[in-house]
Amino acid sequence: MKVNVFNRALVTFVISGVLLTGASISASAQENPNKQQAKQQRKAEQQQGEQKAAQKQANKQQRQQQNDAAQKQAQAAQQQQQPQAAQKQANRQQRQQQAEAAQQQQQSQAAQRQSNRQQRQQQRQAEQQNQQQTAQRQVNRQQRVDQQQQRETQYRQQWSQQQSLTQQRTVQLQQQRRMAQYRYQQQYWARLQQIRLQNARAYSSNRNSYFYASSNYRYSRGGTYYETNQYGANLLRQAVNYGYEQGFRSGQADREDRWNSSYQDSYAYQDANYGYSGYYVDQGDYNYYFREGFRRGYEDGYDSRHQYGSYSNGRYSILGAVLSAVLNLEALR
């Protein structure tokens, strides 16, 4: 009985254990799928997270690659743009240089045209001036021709009077027994005729040049100014020098004759045409300057001195300073 009870108790215990075990197994069995499902779910979630992380990483790498590619593309575009910008800059500079060159060329052409216009204007003005000068030279030439004809006519008329005066003076000197003055007068007259022929030949050679030569000197006589050219100036200088030389010889002759000093009474002083042949200047001007030289030469010759001139190579000539003071020639240009 006790064994049955024990058995029954054992059986009950075993059954209870079995039941408990079954329940446990059942619970465990029930619990394991949940855990496994949870584990799988967690694993899935983990995998999903990893996938997301991988996807994120992939996306990040993709974005990085895209950024790198964009950066490279930008750099490439920038590098491509830099030559283009440089080319554009070069093109702009070239266009600017071309524009500046075109502007400079236009300015140069305008300046050249202006220069050409000015040159043509100057040429026209020069031609007009030359025409005016030519016309003026023609007028001056004709005036000189007319003046010269008047001088020659006047001189030829006085030449016959000179011959008559010479004869009268010769007789007078012989009567006064002034032999030194008589010899001087004969020499004066002979030399005067020689110079007259020489002047005529020289004038024939220089006539055209004289007619066209412009006036480049002026001189004053009696408060009035007169103009002359180089030929006239040279003749006036010659008048003073000839006057001094003939005055000196006339003064010497009067001193030898023991005649009173009087240059006004000398035939040469009264004539005053020694070296003049009717050319280049008026006879009155030549006579005036001849007498100015004669007076000074006569005083030196009569007093046997050289205050106003000098003697060299057989000739008497007035000092340069005295000549300048007597003539007072002024250059016009």
C-alpha atoms as a PDB file:
ATOM      1  CA  MET A   1       0.000   0.000   0.000  1.00  0.00           C
ATOM      2  CA  LYS A   2       2.661   2.177   0.878  1.00  0.00           C
ATOM      3  CA  VAL A   3       4.443   1.136  -2.236  1.00  0.00           C
ATOM      4  CA  ASN A   4       1.517   2.120  -4.355  1.00  0.00           C
ATOM      5  CA  VAL A   5       1.210   5.285  -2.637  1.00  0.00           C
ATOM      6  CA  PHE A   6       4.848   5.838  -3.176  1.00  0.00           C
ATOM      7  CA  ASN A   7       4.547   4.708  -6.662  1.00  0.00           C
ATOM      8  CA  ARG A   8       1.597   6.806  -7.190  1.00  0.00           C
ATOM      9  CA  ALA A   9       3.475   9.641  -5.623  1.00  0.00           C
ATOM     10  CA  LEU A  10       6.473   8.853  -7.694  1.00  0.00           C
ATOM     11  CA  VAL A  11       4.369   8.561 -10.717  1.00  0.00           C
ATOM     12  CA  THR A  12       2.698  11.774  -9.862  1.00  0.00           C
ATOM     13  CA  PHE A  13       6.051  13.343  -9.301  1.00  0.00           C
ATOM     14  CA  VAL A  14       7.339  11.921 -12.516  1.00  0.00           C
ATOM     15  CA  ILE A  15       4.232  13.001 -14.302  1.00  0.00           C
ATOM     16  CA  SER A  16       4.455  16.358 -12.686  1.00  0.00           C
ATOM     17  CA  GLY A  17       8.046  16.491 -13.685  1.00  0.00           C
ATOM     18  CA  VAL A  18       7.203  15.393 -17.131  1.00  0.00           C
ATOM     19  CA  LEU A  19       4.442  17.874 -17.278  1.00  0.00           C
ATOM     20  CA  LEU A  20       6.723  20.496 -15.930  1.00  0.00           C
ATOM     21  CA  THR A  21       9.400  19.427 -18.313  1.00  0.00           C
ATOM     22  CA  GLY A  22       6.942  19.405 -21.138  1.00  0.00           C
ATOM     23  CA  ALA A  23       5.624  22.675 -20.088  1.00  0.00           C
ATOM     24  CA  SER A  24       9.146  23.902 -19.783  1.00  0.00           C
ATOM     25  CA  ILE A  25      10.057  22.360 -23.053  1.00  0.00           C
ATOM     26  CA  SER A  26       6.906  23.721 -24.512  1.00  0.00           C
ATOM     27  CA  ALA A  27       7.620  27.061 -23.047  1.00  0.00           C
ATOM     28  CA  SER A  28      11.203  26.778 -24.005  1.00  0.00           C
ATOM     29  CA  ALA A  29      10.210  25.642 -27.388  1.00  0.00           C
ATOM     30  CA  GLN A  30       7.813  28.486 -27.586  1.00  0.00           C
ATOM     31  CA  GLU A  31      10.391  30.858 -26.211  1.00  0.00           C
ATOM     32  CA  ASN A  32      13.211  29.826 -28.602  1.00  0.00           C
ATOM     33  CA  PRO A  33      11.349  30.788 -31.788  1.00  0.00           C
ATOM     34  CA  ASN A  34      10.625  34.204 -30.312  1.00  0.00           C
ATOM     35  CA  LYS A  35      14.176  34.664 -29.334  1.00  0.00           C
ATOM     36  CA  GLN A  36      15.321  33.392 -32.622  1.00  0.00           C
ATOM     37  CA  GLN A  37      12.837  35.592 -34.364  1.00  0.00           C
ATOM     38  CA  ALA A  38      13.973  38.499 -32.219  1.00  0.00           C
ATOM     39  CA  LYS A  39      17.509  37.550 -32.858  1.00  0.00           C
ATOM     40  CA  GLN A  40      16.829  37.253 -36.501  1.00  0.00           C
ATOM     41  CA  GLN A  41      14.928  40.483 -36.377  1.00  0.00           C
ATOM     42  CA  ARG A  42      17.813  42.102 -34.550  1.00  0.00           C
ATOM     43  CA  LYS A  43      20.154  40.500 -37.009  1.00  0.00           C
ATOM     44  CA  ALA A  44      17.965  41.696 -39.815  1.00  0.00           C
ATOM     45  CA  GLU A  45      17.819  45.082 -38.202  1.00  0.00           C
ATOM     46  CA  GLN A  46      21.561  44.941 -37.737  1.00  0.00           C
ATOM     47  CA  GLN A  47      21.990  43.860 -41.288  1.00  0.00           C
ATOM     48  CA  GLN A  48      19.554  46.542 -42.325  1.00  0.00           C
ATOM     49  CA  GLY A  49      21.524  49.005 -40.213  1.00  0.00           C
ATOM     50  CA  GLU A  50      24.693  47.764 -41.723  1.00  0.00           C
ATOM     51  CA  GLN A  51      23.117  47.987 -45.107  1.00  0.00           C
ATOM     52  CA  LYS A  52      21.944  51.489 -44.293  1.00  0.00           C
ATOM     53  CA  ALA A  53      25.380  52.288 -42.967  1.00  0.00           C
ATOM     54  CA  ALA A  54      26.886  50.707 -46.047  1.00  0.00           C
ATOM     55  CA  GLN A  55      24.349  52.547 -48.140  1.00  0.00           C
ATOM     56  CA  LYS A  56      25.187  55.736 -46.297  1.00  0.00           C
ATOM     57  CA  GLN A  57      28.855  55.011 -46.759  1.00  0.00           C
ATOM     58  CA  ALA A  58      28.221  54.195 -50.380  1.00  0.00           C
ATOM     59  CA  ASN A  59      26.124  57.326 -50.702  1.00  0.00           C
ATOM     60  CA  LYS A  60      28.816  59.283 -48.926  1.00  0.00           C
ATOM     61  CA  GLN A  61      31.470  57.798 -51.161  1.00  0.00           C
ATOM     62  CA  GLN A  62      29.238  58.435 -54.133  1.00  0.00           C
ATOM     63  CA  ARG A  63      28.705  61.996 -52.994  1.00  0.00           C
ATOM     64  CA  GLN A  64      32.440  62.285 -52.364  1.00  0.00           C
ATOM     65  CA  GLN A  65      33.113  60.859 -55.776  1.00  0.00           C
ATOM     66  CA  GLN A  66      30.525  63.176 -57.218  1.00  0.00           C
ATOM     67  CA  ASN A  67      32.079  66.081 -55.335  1.00  0.00           C
ATOM     68  CA  ASP A  68      35.510  64.984 -56.446  1.00  0.00           C
ATOM     69  CA  ALA A  69      34.251  64.580 -59.960  1.00  0.00           C
ATOM     70  CA  ALA A  70      32.492  67.957 -59.754  1.00  0.00           C
ATOM     71  CA  GLN A  71      35.612  69.502 -58.292  1.00  0.00           C
ATOM     72  CA  LYS A  72      37.714  67.923 -60.980  1.00  0.00           C
ATOM     73  CA  GLN A  73      35.199  69.008 -63.534  1.00  0.00           C
ATOM     74  CA  ALA A  74      35.217  72.478 -62.014  1.00  0.00           C
ATOM     75  CA  GLN A  75      38.987  72.467 -61.985  1.00  0.00           C
ATOM     76  CA  ALA A  76      39.003  71.197 -65.533  1.00  0.00           C
ATOM     77  CA  ALA A  77      36.432  73.815 -66.459  1.00  0.00           C
ATOM     78  CA  GLN A  78      38.475  76.423 -64.613  1.00  0.00           C
ATOM     79  CA  GLN A  79      41.611  75.213 -66.292  1.00  0.00           C
ATOM     80  CA  GLN A  80      39.753  75.287 -69.544  1.00  0.00           C
ATOM     81  CA  GLN A  81      38.357  78.710 -68.739  1.00  0.00           C
ATOM     82  CA  GLN A  82      41.771  80.094 -67.779  1.00  0.00           C
ATOM     83  CA  PRO A  83      43.211  79.675 -71.283  1.00  0.00           C
ATOM     84  CA  GLN A  84      39.914  80.925 -72.632  1.00  0.00           C
ATOM     85  CA  ALA A  85      40.025  83.890 -70.257  1.00  0.00           C
ATOM     86  CA  ALA A  86      43.657  84.434 -71.141  1.00  0.00           C
ATOM     87  CA  GLN A  87      42.742  84.150 -74.811  1.00  0.00           C
ATOM     88  CA  LYS A  88      39.850  86.529 -74.275  1.00  0.00           C
ATOM     89  CA  GLN A  89      42.172  88.907 -72.445  1.00  0.00           C
ATOM     90  CA  ALA A  90      44.716  88.510 -75.207  1.00  0.00           C
ATOM     91  CA  ASN A  91      41.972  89.089 -77.763  1.00  0.00           C
ATOM     92  CA  ARG A  92      40.783  92.160 -75.866  1.00  0.00           C
ATOM     93  CA  GLN A  93      44.336  93.472 -75.660  1.00  0.00           C
ATOM     94  CA  GLN A  94      44.857  92.724 -79.320  1.00  0.00           C
ATOM     95  CA  ARG A  95      41.608  94.468 -80.234  1.00  0.00           C
ATOM     96  CA  GLN A  96      42.610  97.372 -77.984  1.00  0.00           C
ATOM     97  CA  GLN A  97      46.048  97.525 -79.580  1.00  0.00           C
ATOM     98  CA  GLN A  98      44.457  97.327 -82.997  1.00  0.00           C
ATOM     99  CA  ALA A  99      42.057 100.083 -82.021  1.00  0.00           C
ATOM    100  CA  GLU A 100      44.912 102.183 -80.643  1.00  0.00           C
ATOM    101  CA  ALA A 101      46.980 101.463 -83.732  1.00  0.00           C
ATOM    102  CA  ALA A 102      44.036 102.397 -85.928  1.00  0.00           C
ATOM    103  CA  GLN A 103      43.519 105.558 -83.877  1.00  0.00           C
ATOM    104  CA  GLN A 104      47.210 106.402 -84.077  1.00  0.00           C
ATOM    105  CA  GLN A 105      47.142 105.705 -87.790  1.00  0.00           C
ATOM    106  CA  GLN A 106      44.110 107.944 -88.147  1.00  0.00           C
ATOM    107  CA  GLN A 107      45.806 110.627 -86.085  1.00  0.00           C
ATOM    108  CA  SER A 108      48.990 110.176 -88.090  1.00  0.00           C
ATOM    109  CA  GLN A 109      47.038 110.357 -91.329  1.00  0.00           C
ATOM    110  CA  ALA A 110      45.177 113.408 -90.054  1.00  0.00           C
ATOM    111  CA  ALA A 111      48.453 114.999 -88.983  1.00  0.00           C
ATOM    112  CA  GLN A 112      49.968 114.105 -92.350  1.00  0.00           C
ATOM    113  CA  ARG A 113      46.984 115.598 -94.143  1.00  0.00           C
ATOM    114  CA  GLN A 114      47.279 118.702 -91.970  1.00  0.00           C
ATOM    115  CA  SER A 115      51.001 118.813 -92.677  1.00  0.00           C
ATOM    116  CA  ASN A 116      50.341 118.389 -96.379  1.00  0.00           C
ATOM    117  CA  ARG A 117      47.754 121.159 -96.274  1.00  0.00           C
ATOM    118  CA  GLN A 118      50.153 123.418 -94.423  1.00  0.00           C
ATOM    119  CA  GLN A 119      52.924 122.486 -96.831  1.00  0.00           C
ATOM    120  CA  ARG A 120      50.710 123.217 -99.824  1.00  0.00           C
ATOM    121  CA  GLN A 121      49.637 126.457 -98.196  1.00  0.00           C
ATOM    122  CA  GLN A 122      53.245 127.367 -97.511  1.00  0.00           C
ATOM    123  CA  GLN A 123      54.135 126.451-101.064  1.00  0.00           C
ATOM    124  CA  ARG A 124      51.314 128.630-102.344  1.00  0.00           C
ATOM    125  CA  GLN A 125      52.410 131.434-100.057  1.00  0.00           C
ATOM    126  CA  ALA A 126      56.011 130.941-101.150  1.00  0.00           C
ATOM    127  CA  GLU A 127      54.911 130.974-104.782  1.00  0.00           C
ATOM    128  CA  GLN A 128      52.874 134.102-104.177  1.00  0.00           C
ATOM    129  CA  GLN A 129      55.781 135.646-102.334  1.00  0.00           C
ATOM    130  CA  ASN A 130      58.135 134.659-105.130  1.00  0.00           C
ATOM    131  CA  GLN A 131      55.734 136.116-107.645  1.00  0.00           C
ATOM    132  CA  GLN A 132      55.493 139.294-105.603  1.00  0.00           C
ATOM    133  CA  GLN A 133      59.245 139.410-105.208  1.00  0.00           C
ATOM    134  CA  THR A 134      59.698 138.773-108.911  1.00  0.00           C
ATOM    135  CA  ALA A 135      57.226 141.512-109.699  1.00  0.00           C
ATOM    136  CA  GLN A 136      58.944 143.812-107.199  1.00  0.00           C
ATOM    137  CA  ARG A 137      62.326 142.987-108.692  1.00  0.00           C
ATOM    138  CA  GLN A 138      60.936 143.832-112.099  1.00  0.00           C
ATOM    139  CA  VAL A 139      59.646 147.139-110.730  1.00  0.00           C
ATOM    140  CA  ASN A 140      62.975 147.813-109.006  1.00  0.00           C
ATOM    141  CA  ARG A 141      64.848 146.860-112.143  1.00  0.00           C
ATOM    142  CA  GLN A 142      62.790 149.194-114.259  1.00  0.00           C
ATOM    143  CA  GLN A 143      63.256 151.978-111.730  1.00  0.00           C
ATOM    144  CA  ARG A 144      67.006 151.406-111.750  1.00  0.00           C
ATOM    145  CA  VAL A 145      67.035 151.312-115.525  1.00  0.00           C
ATOM    146  CA  ASP A 146      65.217 154.626-115.636  1.00  0.00           C
ATOM    147  CA  GLN A 147      67.471 156.142-112.963  1.00  0.00           C
ATOM    148  CA  GLN A 148      70.561 154.873-114.708  1.00  0.00           C
ATOM    149  CA  GLN A 149      69.502 156.369-118.016  1.00  0.00           C
ATOM    150  CA  GLN A 150      68.987 159.713-116.295  1.00  0.00           C
ATOM    151  CA  ARG A 151      72.411 159.499-114.618  1.00  0.00           C
ATOM    152  CA  GLU A 152      74.183 158.635-117.852  1.00  0.00           C
ATOM    153  CA  THR A 153      72.403 161.434-119.701  1.00  0.00           C
ATOM    154  CA  GLN A 154      73.303 163.941-116.979  1.00  0.00           C
ATOM    155  CA  TYR A 155      76.898 162.753-116.835  1.00  0.00           C
ATOM    156  CA  ARG A 156      77.375 162.995-120.642  1.00  0.00           C
ATOM    157  CA  GLN A 157      76.040 166.521-120.556  1.00  0.00           C
ATOM    158  CA  GLN A 158      78.482 167.514-117.824  1.00  0.00           C
ATOM    159  CA  TRP A 159      81.406 165.735-119.487  1.00  0.00           C
ATOM    160  CA  SER A 160      81.674 168.397-122.163  1.00  0.00           C
ATOM    161  CA  GLN A 161      81.504 171.091-119.485  1.00  0.00           C
ATOM    162  CA  GLN A 162      84.371 169.366-117.656  1.00  0.00           C
ATOM    163  CA  GLN A 163      86.574 169.561-120.746  1.00  0.00           C
ATOM    164  CA  SER A 164      85.881 173.263-121.110  1.00  0.00           C
ATOM    165  CA  LEU A 165      86.572 173.867-117.393  1.00  0.00           C
ATOM    166  CA  THR A 166      89.822 171.887-117.646  1.00  0.00           C
ATOM    167  CA  GLN A 167      91.116 174.117-120.438  1.00  0.00           C
ATOM    168  CA  GLN A 168      90.262 177.246-118.506  1.00  0.00           C
ATOM    169  CA  ARG A 169      91.975 175.937-115.365  1.00  0.00           C
ATOM    170  CA  THR A 170      95.065 174.941-117.362  1.00  0.00           C
ATOM    171  CA  VAL A 171      95.476 178.450-118.724  1.00  0.00           C
ATOM    172  CA  GLN A 172      94.899 179.947-115.281  1.00  0.00           C
ATOM    173  CA  LEU A 173      97.526 177.738-113.620  1.00  0.00           C
ATOM    174  CA  GLN A 174     100.059 178.566-116.299  1.00  0.00           C
ATOM    175  CA  GLN A 175      99.433 182.266-115.810  1.00  0.00           C
ATOM    176  CA  GLN A 176      99.845 181.859-112.030  1.00  0.00           C
ATOM    177  CA  ARG A 177     103.002 179.810-112.604  1.00  0.00           C
ATOM    178  CA  ARG A 178     101.682 177.098-110.313  1.00  0.00           C
ATOM    179  CA  MET A 179     103.582 174.355-112.094  1.00  0.00           C
ATOM    180  CA  ALA A 180     103.194 171.682-109.438  1.00  0.00           C
ATOM    181  CA  GLN A 181      99.409 172.172-109.436  1.00  0.00           C
ATOM    182  CA  TYR A 182      99.463 172.289-113.253  1.00  0.00           C
ATOM    183  CA  ARG A 183     101.244 168.898-113.437  1.00  0.00           C
ATOM    184  CA  TYR A 184      98.850 167.468-110.872  1.00  0.00           C
ATOM    185  CA  GLN A 185      95.839 168.676-112.896  1.00  0.00           C
ATOM    186  CA  GLN A 186      97.209 167.092-116.067  1.00  0.00           C
ATOM    187  CA  GLN A 187      97.689 163.798-114.251  1.00  0.00           C
ATOM    188  CA  TYR A 188      94.209 164.103-112.745  1.00  0.00           C
ATOM    189  CA  TRP A 189      92.605 164.614-116.131  1.00  0.00           C
ATOM    190  CA  ALA A 190      94.480 161.791-117.808  1.00  0.00           C
ATOM    191  CA  ARG A 191      93.751 159.382-114.985  1.00  0.00           C
ATOM    192  CA  LEU A 192      90.103 160.465-114.895  1.00  0.00           C
ATOM    193  CA  GLN A 193      89.649 159.444-118.549  1.00  0.00           C
ATOM    194  CA  GLN A 194      91.317 156.057-117.941  1.00  0.00           C
ATOM    195  CA  ILE A 195      89.043 155.322-114.977  1.00  0.00           C
ATOM    196  CA  ARG A 196      86.021 156.394-117.019  1.00  0.00           C
ATOM    197  CA  LEU A 197      86.777 153.745-119.653  1.00  0.00           C
ATOM    198  CA  GLN A 198      87.454 151.092-116.997  1.00  0.00           C
ATOM    199  CA  ASN A 199      84.169 151.857-115.274  1.00  0.00           C
ATOM    200  CA  ALA A 200      82.286 151.602-118.567  1.00  0.00           C
ATOM    201  CA  ARG A 201      83.687 148.112-119.197  1.00  0.00           C
ATOM    202  CA  ALA A 202      82.964 146.993-115.626  1.00  0.00           C
ATOM    203  CA  TYR A 203      79.438 148.366-115.811  1.00  0.00           C
ATOM    204  CA  SER A 204      78.734 146.429-119.001  1.00  0.00           C
ATOM    205  CA  SER A 205      79.656 143.208-117.174  1.00  0.00           C
ATOM    206  CA  ASN A 206      77.688 143.961-113.988  1.00  0.00           C
ATOM    207  CA  ARG A 207      74.692 145.796-115.430  1.00  0.00           C
ATOM    208  CA  ASN A 208      72.114 143.011-115.141  1.00  0.00           C
ATOM    209  CA  SER A 209      73.287 142.017-111.673  1.00  0.00           C
ATOM    210  CA  TYR A 210      73.095 145.620-110.537  1.00  0.00           C
ATOM    211  CA  PHE A 211      69.574 146.072-111.886  1.00  0.00           C
ATOM    212  CA  TYR A 212      68.283 143.062-109.898  1.00  0.00           C
ATOM    213  CA  ALA A 213      70.381 143.523-106.737  1.00  0.00           C
ATOM    214  CA  SER A 214      68.222 144.435-103.745  1.00  0.00           C
ATOM    215  CA  SER A 215      68.970 147.438-101.585  1.00  0.00           C
ATOM    216  CA  ASN A 216      70.877 146.311 -98.489  1.00  0.00           C
ATOM    217  CA  TYR A 217      72.477 149.574 -97.277  1.00  0.00           C
ATOM    218  CA  ARG A 218      71.325 153.019 -96.352  1.00  0.00           C
ATOM    219  CA  TYR A 219      73.174 156.272 -95.748  1.00  0.00           C
ATOM    220  CA  SER A 220      72.159 159.781 -94.737  1.00  0.00           C
ATOM    221  CA  ARG A 221      73.106 163.031 -96.365  1.00  0.00           C
ATOM    222  CA  GLY A 222      71.691 166.399 -95.422  1.00  0.00           C
ATOM    223  CA  GLY A 223      69.260 164.814 -92.976  1.00  0.00           C
ATOM    224  CA  THR A 224      67.771 162.507 -95.635  1.00  0.00           C
ATOM    225  CA  TYR A 225      68.230 158.735 -95.812  1.00  0.00           C
ATOM    226  CA  TYR A 226      69.020 157.002 -99.091  1.00  0.00           C
ATOM    227  CA  GLU A 227      69.092 153.290 -99.892  1.00  0.00           C
ATOM    228  CA  THR A 228      71.525 151.517-102.191  1.00  0.00           C
ATOM    229  CA  ASN A 229      72.814 148.041-102.991  1.00  0.00           C
ATOM    230  CA  GLN A 230      76.308 146.570-102.800  1.00  0.00           C
ATOM    231  CA  TYR A 231      77.386 148.235-106.048  1.00  0.00           C
ATOM    232  CA  GLY A 232      76.375 151.670-104.820  1.00  0.00           C
ATOM    233  CA  ALA A 233      77.960 151.125-101.396  1.00  0.00           C
ATOM    234  CA  ASN A 234      81.264 150.113-102.979  1.00  0.00           C
ATOM    235  CA  LEU A 235      81.185 153.168-105.243  1.00  0.00           C
ATOM    236  CA  LEU A 236      80.599 155.523-102.299  1.00  0.00           C
ATOM    237  CA  ARG A 237      83.534 153.993-100.435  1.00  0.00           C
ATOM    238  CA  GLN A 238      85.603 154.472-103.553  1.00  0.00           C
ATOM    239  CA  ALA A 239      84.480 158.119-103.749  1.00  0.00           C
ATOM    240  CA  VAL A 240      85.820 158.871-100.254  1.00  0.00           C
ATOM    241  CA  ASN A 241      89.096 157.035-100.914  1.00  0.00           C
ATOM    242  CA  TYR A 242      89.621 158.656-104.321  1.00  0.00           C
ATOM    243  CA  GLY A 243      88.789 162.013-102.770  1.00  0.00           C
ATOM    244  CA  TYR A 244      91.382 161.564-100.030  1.00  0.00           C
ATOM    245  CA  GLU A 245      94.056 160.465-102.507  1.00  0.00           C
ATOM    246  CA  GLN A 246      93.458 163.341-104.941  1.00  0.00           C
ATOM    247  CA  GLY A 247      93.154 165.825-102.098  1.00  0.00           C
ATOM    248  CA  PHE A 248      96.506 164.727-100.689  1.00  0.00           C
ATOM    249  CA  ARG A 249      98.199 165.163-104.085  1.00  0.00           C
ATOM    250  CA  SER A 250      96.535 168.547-104.652  1.00  0.00           C
ATOM    251  CA  GLY A 251      97.612 169.738-101.182  1.00  0.00           C
ATOM    252  CA  GLN A 252     101.178 168.620-101.879  1.00  0.00           C
ATOM    253  CA  ALA A 253     101.186 170.562-105.156  1.00  0.00           C
ATOM    254  CA  ASP A 254      99.960 173.801-103.511  1.00  0.00           C
ATOM    255  CA  ARG A 255     102.598 173.406-100.813  1.00  0.00           C
ATOM    256  CA  GLU A 256     105.311 172.934-103.457  1.00  0.00           C
ATOM    257  CA  ASP A 257     104.037 176.010-105.287  1.00  0.00           C
ATOM    258  CA  ARG A 258     103.972 177.918-101.974  1.00  0.00           C
ATOM    259  CA  TRP A 259     100.341 178.672-102.654  1.00  0.00           C
ATOM    260  CA  ASN A 260      97.870 179.467 -99.928  1.00  0.00           C
ATOM    261  CA  SER A 261      95.950 176.498 -98.539  1.00  0.00           C
ATOM    262  CA  SER A 262      92.525 176.436-100.181  1.00  0.00           C
ATOM    263  CA  TYR A 263      91.047 173.067-101.115  1.00  0.00           C
ATOM    264  CA  GLN A 264      87.869 174.734-102.480  1.00  0.00           C
ATOM    265  CA  ASP A 265      89.911 176.375-105.254  1.00  0.00           C
ATOM    266  CA  SER A 266      91.289 173.032-106.452  1.00  0.00           C
ATOM    267  CA  TYR A 267      90.026 171.868-109.845  1.00  0.00           C
ATOM    268  CA  ALA A 268      89.625 168.307-108.544  1.00  0.00           C
ATOM    269  CA  TYR A 269      87.474 169.503-105.629  1.00  0.00           C
ATOM    270  CA  GLN A 270      85.255 171.539-107.918  1.00  0.00           C
ATOM    271  CA  ASP A 271      84.932 168.700-110.421  1.00  0.00           C
ATOM    272  CA  ALA A 272      84.543 165.868-107.848  1.00  0.00           C
ATOM    273  CA  ASN A 273      83.859 163.311-110.609  1.00  0.00           C
ATOM    274  CA  TYR A 274      87.130 161.427-110.367  1.00  0.00           C
ATOM    275  CA  GLY A 275      86.109 157.744-110.476  1.00  0.00           C
ATOM    276  CA  TYR A 276      82.477 158.478-111.384  1.00  0.00           C
ATOM    277  CA  SER A 277      81.050 157.531-114.764  1.00  0.00           C
ATOM    278  CA  GLY A 278      77.340 157.966-114.224  1.00  0.00           C
ATOM    279  CA  TYR A 279      76.687 154.517-112.671  1.00  0.00           C
ATOM    280  CA  TYR A 280      75.081 153.059-109.515  1.00  0.00           C
ATOM    281  CA  VAL A 281      74.500 156.278-107.466  1.00  0.00           C
ATOM    282  CA  ASP A 282      73.460 159.834-108.182  1.00  0.00           C
ATOM    283  CA  GLN A 283      76.209 162.187-109.212  1.00  0.00           C
ATOM    284  CA  GLY A 284      75.410 164.575-106.370  1.00  0.00           C
ATOM    285  CA  ASP A 285      75.942 161.817-103.778  1.00  0.00           C
ATOM    286  CA  TYR A 286      79.240 160.793-105.347  1.00  0.00           C
ATOM    287  CA  ASN A 287      80.443 164.417-105.516  1.00  0.00           C
ATOM    288  CA  TYR A 288      79.540 164.980-101.851  1.00  0.00           C
ATOM    289  CA  TYR A 289      81.519 161.997-100.522  1.00  0.00           C
ATOM    290  CA  PHE A 290      84.434 162.635-102.890  1.00  0.00           C
ATOM    291  CA  ARG A 291      84.751 166.168-101.513  1.00  0.00           C
ATOM    292  CA  GLU A 292      84.543 164.894 -97.915  1.00  0.00           C
ATOM    293  CA  GLY A 293      87.539 162.684 -98.606  1.00  0.00           C
ATOM    294  CA  PHE A 294      89.287 165.376-100.647  1.00  0.00           C
ATOM    295  CA  ARG A 295      89.150 167.964 -97.866  1.00  0.00           C
ATOM    296  CA  ARG A 296      90.802 165.623 -95.394  1.00  0.00           C
ATOM    297  CA  GLY A 297      93.396 164.481 -97.903  1.00  0.00           C
ATOM    298  CA  TYR A 298      94.230 168.070 -98.910  1.00  0.00           C
ATOM    299  CA  GLU A 299      94.853 169.032 -95.279  1.00  0.00           C
ATOM    300  CA  ASP A 300      97.158 166.032 -94.770  1.00  0.00           C
ATOM    301  CA  GLY A 301      98.995 166.690 -98.052  1.00  0.00           C
ATOM    302  CA  TYR A 302      99.413 170.417 -97.524  1.00  0.00           C
ATOM    303  CA  ASP A 303     100.633 169.958 -93.936  1.00  0.00           C
ATOM    304  CA  SER A 304     102.702 166.875 -94.878  1.00  0.00           C
ATOM    305  CA  ARG A 305     101.046 164.614 -92.282  1.00  0.00           C
ATOM    306  CA  HIS A 306      98.857 161.508 -92.096  1.00  0.00           C
ATOM    307  CA  GLN A 307      96.093 162.430 -89.679  1.00  0.00           C
ATOM    308  CA  TYR A 308      93.224 161.055 -91.770  1.00  0.00           C
ATOM    309  CA  GLY A 309      94.951 158.473 -93.920  1.00  0.00           C
ATOM    310  CA  SER A 310      98.064 156.484 -94.745  1.00  0.00           C
ATOM    311  CA  TYR A 311     100.477 155.826 -97.594  1.00  0.00           C
ATOM    312  CA  SER A 312     101.211 152.327 -98.888  1.00  0.00           C
ATOM    313  CA  ASN A 313     102.446 150.876-102.194  1.00  0.00           C
ATOM    314  CA  GLY A 314     102.473 154.271-103.893  1.00  0.00           C
ATOM    315  CA  ARG A 315      98.883 155.120-102.934  1.00  0.00           C
ATOM    316  CA  TYR A 316      97.220 157.316-100.359  1.00  0.00           C
ATOM    317  CA  SER A 317      94.120 155.920 -98.697  1.00  0.00           C
ATOM    318  CA  ILE A 318      91.857 157.171 -95.954  1.00  0.00           C
ATOM    319  CA  LEU A 319      91.767 155.364 -92.605  1.00  0.00           C
ATOM    320  CA  GLY A 320      89.019 152.813 -92.135  1.00  0.00           C
ATOM    321  CA  ALA A 321      87.632 154.535 -89.035  1.00  0.00           C
ATOM    322  CA  VAL A 322      87.473 157.872 -90.861  1.00  0.00           C
ATOM    323  CA  LEU A 323      85.820 156.224 -93.865  1.00  0.00           C
ATOM    324  CA  SER A 324      83.142 154.656 -91.647  1.00  0.00           C
ATOM    325  CA  ALA A 325      82.519 157.981 -89.896  1.00  0.00           C
ATOM    326  CA  VAL A 326      82.213 159.867 -93.192  1.00  0.00           C
ATOM    327  CA  LEU A 327      79.936 157.348 -94.946  1.00  0.00           C
ATOM    328  CA  ASN A 328      77.973 156.033 -91.961  1.00  0.00           C
ATOM    329  CA  LEU A 329      76.642 153.154 -94.046  1.00  0.00           C
ATOM    330  CA  GLU A 330      74.041 151.014 -92.253  1.00  0.00           C
ATOM    331  CA  ALA A 331      73.238 147.470 -93.301  1.00  0.00           C
ATOM    332  CA  LEU A 332      69.490 146.956 -93.783  1.00  0.00           C
ATOM    333  CA  ARG A 333      69.684 143.181 -93.166  1.00  0.00           C
END
